[in-house]
């Protein structure tokens, strides 16, 4: 089964997607992560959007793929329709299973919002997978 989430996220904002359950037996994996500018016909802008497994206190535009709480990262650069270059998007996401809430951050130097779309594959976790996913979350929260 696939669950999808979408939204318009403001510059400097953090969105929470509630996924946790009482038992933690439902697991998720990102299968699609896309961005689209709010006004691609008229606004030149760049956006960095990242997905994390733990709550974030700050929003940055830097990418650190050694951060084990980072599930996905995307960058979109767009030119208005009147310009020749069009837009470019780079999206990278991890294949990791998780069973808790996820947090989406957004940064834009132009101070404009961006649309995001995330598809998650839903699967029932075995007791071992549930334990591993929960322990990873606990360890990552205590490190930050």
Protein backbone atom coordinates (compact mmCIF):
# COMPACT_ATOMS: atom_id res chain seq x y z
CA UNK A 1 0.00 0.00 0.00
CA UNK A 2 1.18 3.55 -0.76
CA UNK A 3 0.37 6.64 1.36
CA UNK A 4 0.98 10.07 -0.11
CA UNK A 5 1.49 13.43 1.54
CA UNK A 6 1.67 16.84 -0.07
CA UNK A 7 1.89 20.40 1.05
CA UNK A 8 3.05 23.94 0.45
CA UNK A 9 5.86 24.65 2.89
CA UNK A 10 6.97 28.18 3.73
CA UNK A 11 10.58 29.30 3.72
CA UNK A 12 12.24 28.36 7.01
CA UNK A 13 9.34 26.11 8.03
CA UNK A 14 9.28 22.58 9.42
CA UNK A 15 6.32 20.30 8.62
CA UNK A 16 5.61 17.19 10.69
CA UNK A 17 4.02 14.14 9.09
CA UNK A 18 2.43 12.03 11.81
CA UNK A 19 3.07 8.34 11.22
CA UNK A 20 3.61 6.87 14.67
CA UNK A 21 1.37 4.17 16.08
CA UNK A 22 1.01 2.80 19.61
CA UNK A 23 2.65 -0.51 18.70
CA UNK A 24 5.18 0.65 16.07
CA UNK A 25 4.35 -2.32 13.86
CA UNK A 26 3.65 -0.21 10.76
CA UNK A 27 6.76 0.62 8.77
CA UNK A 28 7.35 3.10 5.98
CA UNK A 29 9.85 3.62 3.20
CA UNK A 30 10.07 6.62 0.84
CA UNK A 31 9.36 5.62 -2.77
CA UNK A 32 8.83 9.08 -4.29
CA UNK A 33 9.88 12.60 -3.29
CA UNK A 34 9.18 15.54 -5.61
CA UNK A 35 9.17 19.33 -5.52
CA UNK A 36 7.32 21.92 -7.59
CA UNK A 37 7.63 25.67 -7.29
CA UNK A 38 4.55 27.62 -6.24
CA UNK A 39 4.76 30.03 -9.21
CA UNK A 40 7.03 28.48 -11.86
CA UNK A 41 5.83 30.87 -14.58
CA UNK A 42 6.94 34.07 -12.86
CA UNK A 43 9.39 33.53 -10.00
CA UNK A 44 13.09 32.67 -10.16
CA UNK A 45 13.96 30.68 -7.05
CA UNK A 46 16.03 27.93 -5.47
CA UNK A 47 14.77 25.58 -2.77
CA UNK A 48 16.33 22.99 -0.46
CA UNK A 49 13.89 20.54 1.11
CA UNK A 50 14.99 17.75 3.46
CA UNK A 51 13.20 14.92 5.28
CA UNK A 52 14.41 13.79 8.72
CA UNK A 53 13.50 11.02 11.17
CA UNK A 54 13.76 13.28 14.23
CA UNK A 55 12.41 16.77 15.05
CA UNK A 56 14.55 19.63 13.74
CA UNK A 57 15.23 22.87 15.59
CA UNK A 58 16.88 24.74 12.70
CA UNK A 59 16.48 24.82 8.94
CA UNK A 60 19.61 24.89 6.80
CA UNK A 61 20.45 24.67 3.12
CA UNK A 62 23.53 22.49 3.63
CA UNK A 63 23.52 18.81 2.69
CA UNK A 64 25.23 16.26 4.94
CA UNK A 65 24.67 12.72 3.71
CA UNK A 66 26.58 11.34 6.72
CA UNK A 67 23.64 12.44 8.93
CA UNK A 68 21.87 9.16 9.70
CA UNK A 69 18.64 11.03 10.53
CA UNK A 70 18.39 12.39 6.95
CA UNK A 71 15.90 10.34 4.92
CA UNK A 72 15.79 12.50 1.79
CA UNK A 73 17.07 15.71 0.26
CA UNK A 74 15.91 17.69 -2.75
CA UNK A 75 17.06 20.83 -4.53
CA UNK A 76 15.08 22.64 -7.20
CA UNK A 77 16.23 25.64 -9.16
CA UNK A 78 13.76 27.36 -11.42
CA UNK A 79 13.68 30.16 -13.91
CA UNK A 80 10.53 31.95 -15.06
CA UNK A 81 9.02 30.76 -18.32
CA UNK A 82 10.50 33.75 -20.18
CA UNK A 83 14.07 32.52 -19.49
CA UNK A 84 15.73 29.80 -21.53
CA UNK A 85 17.22 27.55 -18.85
CA UNK A 86 13.99 26.16 -17.37
CA UNK A 87 14.25 24.35 -14.06
CA UNK A 88 16.42 21.59 -12.65
CA UNK A 89 15.63 19.26 -9.78
CA UNK A 90 17.87 16.88 -7.84
CA UNK A 91 16.22 14.41 -5.45
CA UNK A 92 17.96 11.74 -3.37
CA UNK A 93 16.28 9.53 -0.77
CA UNK A 94 17.30 6.64 1.43
CA UNK A 95 15.79 3.17 1.29
CA UNK A 96 15.59 2.99 5.10
CA UNK A 97 12.51 1.69 6.91
CA UNK A 98 11.11 3.83 9.72
CA UNK A 99 8.07 3.66 12.01
CA UNK A 100 7.85 7.14 13.55
CA UNK A 101 6.91 10.66 12.46
CA UNK A 102 9.02 12.41 9.83
CA UNK A 103 9.96 16.09 9.58
CA UNK A 104 10.27 18.15 6.39
CA UNK A 105 12.35 21.34 6.30
CA UNK A 106 12.54 24.04 3.61
CA UNK A 107 14.96 26.86 2.88
CA UNK A 108 14.80 29.39 0.03
CA UNK A 109 16.97 32.49 -0.35
CA UNK A 110 14.09 34.17 -2.19
CA UNK A 111 11.78 33.70 0.81
CA UNK A 112 9.06 31.92 -1.20
CA UNK A 113 7.24 28.65 -0.45
CA UNK A 114 7.56 25.41 -2.42
CA UNK A 115 5.26 22.42 -2.95
CA UNK A 116 6.37 18.93 -1.94
CA UNK A 117 4.97 15.49 -2.62
CA UNK A 118 6.08 12.35 -0.77
CA UNK A 119 4.93 8.77 -1.35
CA UNK A 120 5.56 6.20 1.36
CA UNK A 121 5.31 2.45 0.97
CA UNK A 122 3.49 1.02 3.99
CA UNK A 123 4.32 -2.42 5.32
CA UNK A 124 3.80 -4.45 8.45
CA UNK A 125 7.02 -4.78 10.44
CA UNK A 126 8.12 -8.00 12.10
CA UNK A 127 8.97 -7.78 15.80
CA UNK A 128 12.69 -7.65 14.93
CA UNK A 129 12.21 -4.86 12.34
CA UNK A 130 10.01 -2.94 14.79
CA UNK A 131 12.68 -3.16 17.49
CA UNK A 132 15.47 -2.06 15.14
CA UNK A 133 13.48 0.91 13.79
CA UNK A 134 12.48 2.05 17.28
CA UNK A 135 16.00 1.69 18.68
CA UNK A 136 17.43 3.71 15.77
CA UNK A 137 14.98 6.53 16.53
CA UNK A 138 15.83 6.48 20.25
CA UNK A 139 19.58 6.48 19.52
CA UNK A 140 19.28 9.31 16.98
CA UNK A 141 17.16 11.47 19.31
CA UNK A 142 19.64 11.03 22.17
CA UNK A 143 22.59 12.02 19.91
CA UNK A 144 21.00 15.32 18.83
